[in-house]
Amino acid sequence: PDTVRFTRQIKDRIPLDDRSGVLAALWEVTYIDGKRTADEESLVRLVAGLLGINDRDSALIRQSVLADLGMTDS
């Protein structure tokens, strides 16, 4: 799917404060298999920006997801 159009639909329908939950779900999907790949992380970072979530908040959300999954940020 077209990432830009998809994220625009989310931005139009979900308030900024609630988009952090969407991003957390994406980070969880990225890490749930226990593997970290640069391609997956890059895509989620792109989506975060398209959703209007700044890099700092995205990093905090990512760290929280990693902690919840019992993974380290390395």
C-alpha atoms as a PDB file:
ATOM      1  CA  PRO A   1       0.000   0.000   0.000  1.00  0.00           C
ATOM      2  CA  ASP A   2       0.924   3.616  -0.464  1.00  0.00           C
ATOM      3  CA  THR A   3       2.458   4.611   2.872  1.00  0.00           C
ATOM      4  CA  VAL A   4       1.887   8.326   2.411  1.00  0.00           C
ATOM      5  CA  ARG A   5      -1.806   7.981   1.602  1.00  0.00           C
ATOM      6  CA  PHE A   6      -2.309   5.436   4.369  1.00  0.00           C
ATOM      7  CA  THR A   7      -0.708   7.648   7.017  1.00  0.00           C
ATOM      8  CA  ARG A   8      -2.629  10.670   5.759  1.00  0.00           C
ATOM      9  CA  GLN A   9      -5.857   8.759   6.407  1.00  0.00           C
ATOM     10  CA  ILE A  10      -4.712   8.047   9.964  1.00  0.00           C
ATOM     11  CA  LYS A  11      -3.703  11.690  10.513  1.00  0.00           C
ATOM     12  CA  ASP A  12      -7.094  12.867   9.259  1.00  0.00           C
ATOM     13  CA  ARG A  13      -9.009  10.567  11.596  1.00  0.00           C
ATOM     14  CA  ILE A  14      -6.911  10.130  14.738  1.00  0.00           C
ATOM     15  CA  PRO A  15      -5.861  13.006  17.011  1.00  0.00           C
ATOM     16  CA  LEU A  16      -2.110  13.478  17.479  1.00  0.00           C
ATOM     17  CA  ASP A  17      -2.217  12.317  21.120  1.00  0.00           C
ATOM     18  CA  ASP A  18      -3.781   9.016  20.062  1.00  0.00           C
ATOM     19  CA  ARG A  19      -1.345   8.389  17.196  1.00  0.00           C
ATOM     20  CA  SER A  20       1.315   7.365  19.706  1.00  0.00           C
ATOM     21  CA  GLY A  21      -0.717   4.192  20.245  1.00  0.00           C
ATOM     22  CA  VAL A  22      -0.648   3.512  16.521  1.00  0.00           C
ATOM     23  CA  LEU A  23       3.116   3.981  16.501  1.00  0.00           C
ATOM     24  CA  ALA A  24       3.557   1.761  19.562  1.00  0.00           C
ATOM     25  CA  ALA A  25       1.628  -0.983  17.775  1.00  0.00           C
ATOM     26  CA  LEU A  26       3.899  -0.640  14.748  1.00  0.00           C
ATOM     27  CA  TRP A  27       7.028  -0.862  16.913  1.00  0.00           C
ATOM     28  CA  GLU A  28       5.571  -3.937  18.616  1.00  0.00           C
ATOM     29  CA  VAL A  29       4.902  -5.644  15.281  1.00  0.00           C
ATOM     30  CA  THR A  30       8.457  -4.760  14.246  1.00  0.00           C
ATOM     31  CA  TYR A  31      10.025  -6.399  17.307  1.00  0.00           C
ATOM     32  CA  ILE A  32       7.590  -9.153  18.284  1.00  0.00           C
ATOM     33  CA  ASP A  33       9.558 -11.820  16.416  1.00  0.00           C
ATOM     34  CA  GLY A  34      12.643 -11.003  18.489  1.00  0.00           C
ATOM     35  CA  LYS A  35      14.594  -9.881  15.441  1.00  0.00           C
ATOM     36  CA  ARG A  36      15.680  -6.341  14.681  1.00  0.00           C
ATOM     37  CA  THR A  37      16.171  -5.334  11.075  1.00  0.00           C
ATOM     38  CA  ALA A  38      17.262  -1.966   9.763  1.00  0.00           C
ATOM     39  CA  ASP A  39      14.606  -2.049   7.035  1.00  0.00           C
ATOM     40  CA  GLU A  40      11.747  -2.507   9.490  1.00  0.00           C
ATOM     41  CA  GLU A  41      13.078   0.149  11.859  1.00  0.00           C
ATOM     42  CA  SER A  42      13.572   2.563   8.968  1.00  0.00           C
ATOM     43  CA  LEU A  43       9.995   2.072   7.776  1.00  0.00           C
ATOM     44  CA  VAL A  44       8.535   2.687  11.240  1.00  0.00           C
ATOM     45  CA  ARG A  45      10.664   5.827  11.619  1.00  0.00           C
ATOM     46  CA  LEU A  46       9.350   7.054   8.255  1.00  0.00           C
ATOM     47  CA  VAL A  47       5.772   6.356   9.312  1.00  0.00           C
ATOM     48  CA  ALA A  48       6.337   8.168  12.622  1.00  0.00           C
ATOM     49  CA  GLY A  49       7.327  11.309  10.754  1.00  0.00           C
ATOM     50  CA  LEU A  50       4.393  11.001   8.388  1.00  0.00           C
ATOM     51  CA  LEU A  51       2.089  10.676  11.403  1.00  0.00           C
ATOM     52  CA  GLY A  52       3.501  13.900  12.825  1.00  0.00           C
ATOM     53  CA  ILE A  53       5.323  12.208  15.701  1.00  0.00           C
ATOM     54  CA  ASN A  54       8.736  13.742  16.286  1.00  0.00           C
ATOM     55  CA  ASP A  55      11.944  11.696  16.551  1.00  0.00           C
ATOM     56  CA  ARG A  56      12.232  12.121  20.321  1.00  0.00           C
ATOM     57  CA  ASP A  57       8.699  10.896  21.011  1.00  0.00           C
ATOM     58  CA  SER A  58       9.128   8.048  18.555  1.00  0.00           C
ATOM     59  CA  ALA A  59      12.321   6.972  20.335  1.00  0.00           C
ATOM     60  CA  LEU A  60      10.567   7.071  23.713  1.00  0.00           C
ATOM     61  CA  ILE A  61       7.695   4.990  22.370  1.00  0.00           C
ATOM     62  CA  ARG A  62      10.162   2.519  20.822  1.00  0.00           C
ATOM     63  CA  GLN A  63      12.086   2.196  24.091  1.00  0.00           C
ATOM     64  CA  SER A  64       8.848   1.586  25.989  1.00  0.00           C
ATOM     65  CA  VAL A  65       7.836  -1.162  23.564  1.00  0.00           C
ATOM     66  CA  LEU A  66      11.268  -2.773  23.801  1.00  0.00           C
ATOM     67  CA  ALA A  67      11.023  -2.731  27.606  1.00  0.00           C
ATOM     68  CA  ASP A  68       7.530  -4.243  27.505  1.00  0.00           C
ATOM     69  CA  LEU A  69       8.856  -7.020  25.252  1.00  0.00           C
ATOM     70  CA  GLY A  70      11.832  -7.597  27.554  1.00  0.00           C
ATOM     71  CA  MET A  71      14.331  -6.521  24.913  1.00  0.00           C
ATOM     72  CA  THR A  72      17.221  -4.104  25.249  1.00  0.00           C
ATOM     73  CA  ASP A  73      17.879  -1.080  23.093  1.00  0.00           C
ATOM     74  CA  SER A  74      21.144  -2.134  21.502  1.00  0.00           C
END
